[in-house]
Amino acid sequence: MAAYFDCLIHATHTARLINSIAIQHRSTVYMEAPIDLNRFILTMTETAYLQVKAACDGLTDEQFFSQPTTDSNHIAWLVWHMSRARDVITSNIIGEDQVWVSNGWADRFGMDIGDVGIGDSPEKVTAFKVDRSLVMGYLDDAHEATARRLSMISAERFDQLVVYALGDERPVWRALVGMAGDSAQHTGQISYLRGTFTGIGWRSRAGWN
């Protein structure tokens, strides 16, 4: 089982790297020029998206919705929640509708337009049973919108305040760091769960070394 923790350790290291880069962005002591933060976040976002797609590929529906314990998250919920966070945060930064609303995903899921997953009870996670194609379809749509929005953010906007997924206001740069950290954590969790289902070596078989 210890080998499966590699994914979580990787996610922790990634989150620490993000925090370090954020500090560098805010301080001339560490850097002579501002970092291209949105390009860094875009690369991380794309990598996490591809790894989540690989982790979900080949899973049975039973595995996709399986919870290790009654108060744990399953892969389907994690994929949906991660997609919601990206959609909410980047749409707020750019000032456009979430694809969750504009492309009718909330209606197709039979959920409220304000549902994001933050603070969901174990019972609500367990009850999250929707068609798998909806979960993966929203992942694709939210990622496409997220990547497009990230490419539109200029460095001049980094210090502007934006409403974050938790409802608080924070600078754009900090919202992006929070989104990247959230993606890293949930990608690690999804990868860990995949490993418990299909064993050591799935990352190599999927091309993720």
Protein backbone atom coordinates (compact mmCIF):
# COMPACT_ATOMS: atom_id res chain seq x y z
CA MET A 1 0.00 0.00 0.00
CA ALA A 2 2.91 2.37 0.66
CA ALA A 3 3.60 2.64 -3.05
CA TYR A 4 0.21 4.18 -3.61
CA PHE A 5 1.16 7.16 -1.48
CA ASP A 6 3.58 8.28 -4.22
CA CYS A 7 0.73 10.17 -5.89
CA LEU A 8 -0.19 11.99 -2.70
CA ILE A 9 3.43 12.83 -1.96
CA HIS A 10 3.77 14.20 -5.49
CA ALA A 11 0.69 16.37 -4.95
CA THR A 12 2.11 17.71 -1.67
CA HIS A 13 5.42 18.61 -3.32
CA THR A 14 3.52 20.31 -6.15
CA ALA A 15 1.45 22.38 -3.72
CA ARG A 16 4.62 23.48 -1.93
CA LEU A 17 6.15 24.47 -5.27
CA ILE A 18 3.07 26.54 -6.12
CA ASN A 19 3.27 28.34 -2.78
CA SER A 20 6.97 29.03 -3.30
CA ILE A 21 6.34 30.50 -6.74
CA ALA A 22 3.52 32.64 -5.37
CA ILE A 23 5.88 34.06 -2.75
CA GLN A 24 8.43 34.78 -5.45
CA HIS A 25 5.81 36.58 -7.51
CA ARG A 26 5.09 38.90 -4.59
CA SER A 27 8.68 39.66 -3.61
CA THR A 28 11.52 41.30 -5.53
CA VAL A 29 13.93 39.72 -3.04
CA TYR A 30 13.58 36.40 -4.86
CA MET A 31 12.98 37.57 -8.42
CA GLU A 32 14.07 40.44 -10.61
CA ALA A 33 11.02 40.15 -12.90
CA PRO A 34 7.44 38.93 -12.32
CA ILE A 35 6.84 35.29 -13.14
CA ASP A 36 4.41 34.42 -15.93
CA LEU A 37 2.07 32.97 -13.33
CA ASN A 38 -0.91 32.27 -15.56
CA ARG A 39 1.27 30.30 -18.01
CA PHE A 40 2.56 28.24 -15.09
CA ILE A 41 -0.98 27.64 -13.81
CA LEU A 42 -2.17 26.80 -17.34
CA THR A 43 0.56 24.16 -17.69
CA MET A 44 -0.31 22.68 -14.30
CA THR A 45 -4.01 22.71 -15.16
CA GLU A 46 -3.43 20.91 -18.45
CA THR A 47 -1.18 18.31 -16.79
CA ALA A 48 -3.71 17.63 -14.03
CA TYR A 49 -6.52 17.32 -16.57
CA LEU A 50 -4.63 14.76 -18.66
CA GLN A 51 -3.66 12.76 -15.58
CA VAL A 52 -7.25 12.69 -14.33
CA LYS A 53 -8.40 11.49 -17.76
CA ALA A 54 -5.77 8.74 -17.65
CA ALA A 55 -6.73 7.75 -14.09
CA CYS A 56 -10.40 7.41 -15.05
CA ASP A 57 -9.76 5.48 -18.24
CA GLY A 58 -10.63 1.81 -17.94
CA LEU A 59 -12.37 2.05 -14.57
CA THR A 60 -15.63 0.21 -14.10
CA ASP A 61 -18.66 2.17 -12.93
CA GLU A 62 -18.36 0.39 -9.59
CA GLN A 63 -14.79 1.66 -9.19
CA PHE A 64 -15.73 5.14 -10.45
CA PHE A 65 -18.27 5.54 -7.64
CA SER A 66 -16.53 3.46 -4.97
CA GLN A 67 -15.77 5.08 -1.59
CA PRO A 68 -12.93 3.64 0.53
CA THR A 69 -15.01 4.46 3.63
CA THR A 70 -18.48 5.88 4.14
CA ASP A 71 -17.07 9.35 4.85
CA SER A 72 -14.60 9.40 1.92
CA ASN A 73 -14.97 10.89 -1.55
CA HIS A 74 -15.24 8.76 -4.66
CA ILE A 75 -13.56 9.49 -7.99
CA ALA A 76 -16.73 10.67 -9.73
CA TRP A 77 -17.38 13.31 -7.08
CA LEU A 78 -13.73 14.43 -7.04
CA VAL A 79 -13.69 14.89 -10.83
CA TRP A 80 -16.93 16.89 -10.70
CA HIS A 81 -15.84 19.04 -7.74
CA MET A 82 -12.43 19.83 -9.26
CA SER A 83 -14.12 20.83 -12.51
CA ARG A 84 -16.62 23.02 -10.66
CA ALA A 85 -13.88 24.85 -8.76
CA ARG A 86 -11.99 25.62 -11.97
CA ASP A 87 -15.14 26.75 -13.75
CA VAL A 88 -16.21 29.03 -10.89
CA ILE A 89 -12.82 30.62 -10.22
CA THR A 90 -11.81 31.34 -13.81
CA SER A 91 -15.27 32.57 -14.84
CA ASN A 92 -15.22 35.02 -11.93
CA ILE A 93 -11.79 36.29 -12.97
CA ILE A 94 -12.78 36.84 -16.60
CA GLY A 95 -16.33 37.95 -15.85
CA GLU A 96 -18.35 35.47 -17.88
CA ASP A 97 -20.93 32.78 -17.12
CA GLN A 98 -19.81 29.39 -15.90
CA VAL A 99 -20.22 26.64 -18.50
CA TRP A 100 -22.01 24.78 -15.69
CA VAL A 101 -24.83 27.26 -16.32
CA SER A 102 -24.40 28.51 -19.90
CA ASN A 103 -23.96 25.04 -21.42
CA GLY A 104 -26.75 23.46 -19.39
CA TRP A 105 -24.68 21.10 -17.25
CA ALA A 106 -26.52 21.98 -14.03
CA ASP A 107 -29.81 20.96 -15.63
CA ARG A 108 -28.34 17.76 -17.04
CA PHE A 109 -26.90 16.83 -13.64
CA GLY A 110 -30.20 17.75 -11.98
CA MET A 111 -28.32 19.99 -9.55
CA ASP A 112 -28.46 23.60 -8.41
CA ILE A 113 -26.42 26.18 -10.33
CA GLY A 114 -24.68 27.09 -7.06
CA ASP A 115 -23.51 23.55 -6.25
CA VAL A 116 -19.72 23.37 -6.10
CA GLY A 117 -19.10 20.57 -3.61
CA ILE A 118 -17.41 22.64 -0.91
CA GLY A 119 -18.69 21.44 2.45
CA ASP A 120 -20.67 18.51 1.03
CA SER A 121 -21.59 15.96 3.70
CA PRO A 122 -20.58 12.29 3.35
CA GLU A 123 -24.23 11.50 2.68
CA LYS A 124 -24.35 13.97 -0.20
CA VAL A 125 -21.16 12.54 -1.69
CA THR A 126 -22.58 9.02 -1.48
CA ALA A 127 -25.79 10.21 -3.14
CA PHE A 128 -23.82 11.72 -6.03
CA LYS A 129 -24.72 9.14 -8.66
CA VAL A 130 -25.02 10.54 -12.18
CA ASP A 131 -24.24 9.11 -15.58
CA ARG A 132 -20.50 8.74 -15.99
CA SER A 133 -20.58 10.43 -19.39
CA LEU A 134 -21.93 13.58 -17.73
CA VAL A 135 -19.05 13.73 -15.26
CA MET A 136 -16.41 13.27 -17.95
CA GLY A 137 -18.25 15.58 -20.36
CA TYR A 138 -18.30 18.38 -17.83
CA LEU A 139 -14.63 17.74 -17.03
CA ASP A 140 -13.80 18.28 -20.71
CA ASP A 141 -16.00 21.36 -21.11
CA ALA A 142 -14.83 23.00 -17.89
CA HIS A 143 -11.20 22.34 -18.76
CA GLU A 144 -11.56 23.84 -22.23
CA ALA A 145 -13.18 26.96 -20.76
CA THR A 146 -10.58 27.15 -17.98
CA ALA A 147 -7.66 26.95 -20.42
CA ARG A 148 -9.19 29.62 -22.65
CA ARG A 149 -9.81 31.95 -19.72
CA LEU A 150 -6.33 31.47 -18.29
CA SER A 151 -4.80 32.44 -21.63
CA MET A 152 -6.72 35.74 -21.42
CA ILE A 153 -5.34 36.84 -18.03
CA SER A 154 -2.58 39.43 -18.23
CA ALA A 155 -0.02 40.11 -15.50
CA GLU A 156 -1.61 43.52 -14.94
CA ARG A 157 -4.70 41.79 -13.53
CA PHE A 158 -2.90 39.70 -10.92
CA ASP A 159 -3.51 42.17 -8.09
CA GLN A 160 -7.20 42.79 -8.88
CA LEU A 161 -9.66 41.37 -6.36
CA VAL A 162 -11.94 38.54 -7.43
CA VAL A 163 -14.56 36.43 -5.66
CA TYR A 164 -13.03 33.02 -4.92
CA ALA A 165 -14.90 29.69 -4.86
CA LEU A 166 -15.25 29.94 -1.07
CA GLY A 167 -17.03 33.29 -1.43
CA ASP A 168 -14.20 35.46 -0.12
CA GLU A 169 -12.35 38.09 -2.13
CA ARG A 170 -8.69 37.61 -2.93
CA PRO A 171 -6.20 38.87 -5.56
CA VAL A 172 -6.30 37.09 -8.91
CA TRP A 173 -2.80 35.66 -8.39
CA ARG A 174 -3.84 34.10 -5.09
CA ALA A 175 -7.06 32.72 -6.60
CA LEU A 176 -4.99 31.05 -9.33
CA VAL A 177 -2.59 29.59 -6.77
CA GLY A 178 -5.54 28.26 -4.77
CA MET A 179 -7.05 26.68 -7.88
CA ALA A 180 -3.76 25.02 -8.81
CA GLY A 181 -3.29 23.70 -5.28
CA ASP A 182 -6.85 22.33 -5.27
CA SER A 183 -6.23 20.61 -8.60
CA ALA A 184 -2.96 19.09 -7.37
CA GLN A 185 -4.57 17.69 -4.23
CA HIS A 186 -7.58 16.20 -5.98
CA THR A 187 -5.52 14.80 -8.85
CA GLY A 188 -3.37 13.04 -6.26
CA GLN A 189 -6.46 11.67 -4.52
CA ILE A 190 -7.93 10.41 -7.80
CA SER A 191 -4.61 8.81 -8.75
CA TYR A 192 -4.35 7.16 -5.34
CA LEU A 193 -7.83 5.67 -5.64
CA ARG A 194 -7.03 4.42 -9.15
CA GLY A 195 -3.95 2.68 -7.75
CA THR A 196 -5.97 0.89 -5.09
CA PHE A 197 -8.26 -0.49 -7.80
CA THR A 198 -5.78 -1.56 -10.47
CA GLY A 199 -2.48 -1.92 -8.61
CA ILE A 200 1.03 -0.60 -8.89
CA GLY A 201 2.17 0.41 -12.35
CA TRP A 202 -1.00 1.95 -13.76
CA ARG A 203 0.73 5.33 -14.14
CA SER A 204 3.51 3.81 -16.24
CA ARG A 205 1.00 1.88 -18.33
CA ALA A 206 -0.88 5.13 -18.92
CA GLY A 207 2.33 6.95 -19.85
CA TRP A 208 2.73 8.86 -16.56
CA ASN A 209 6.16 8.13 -15.08
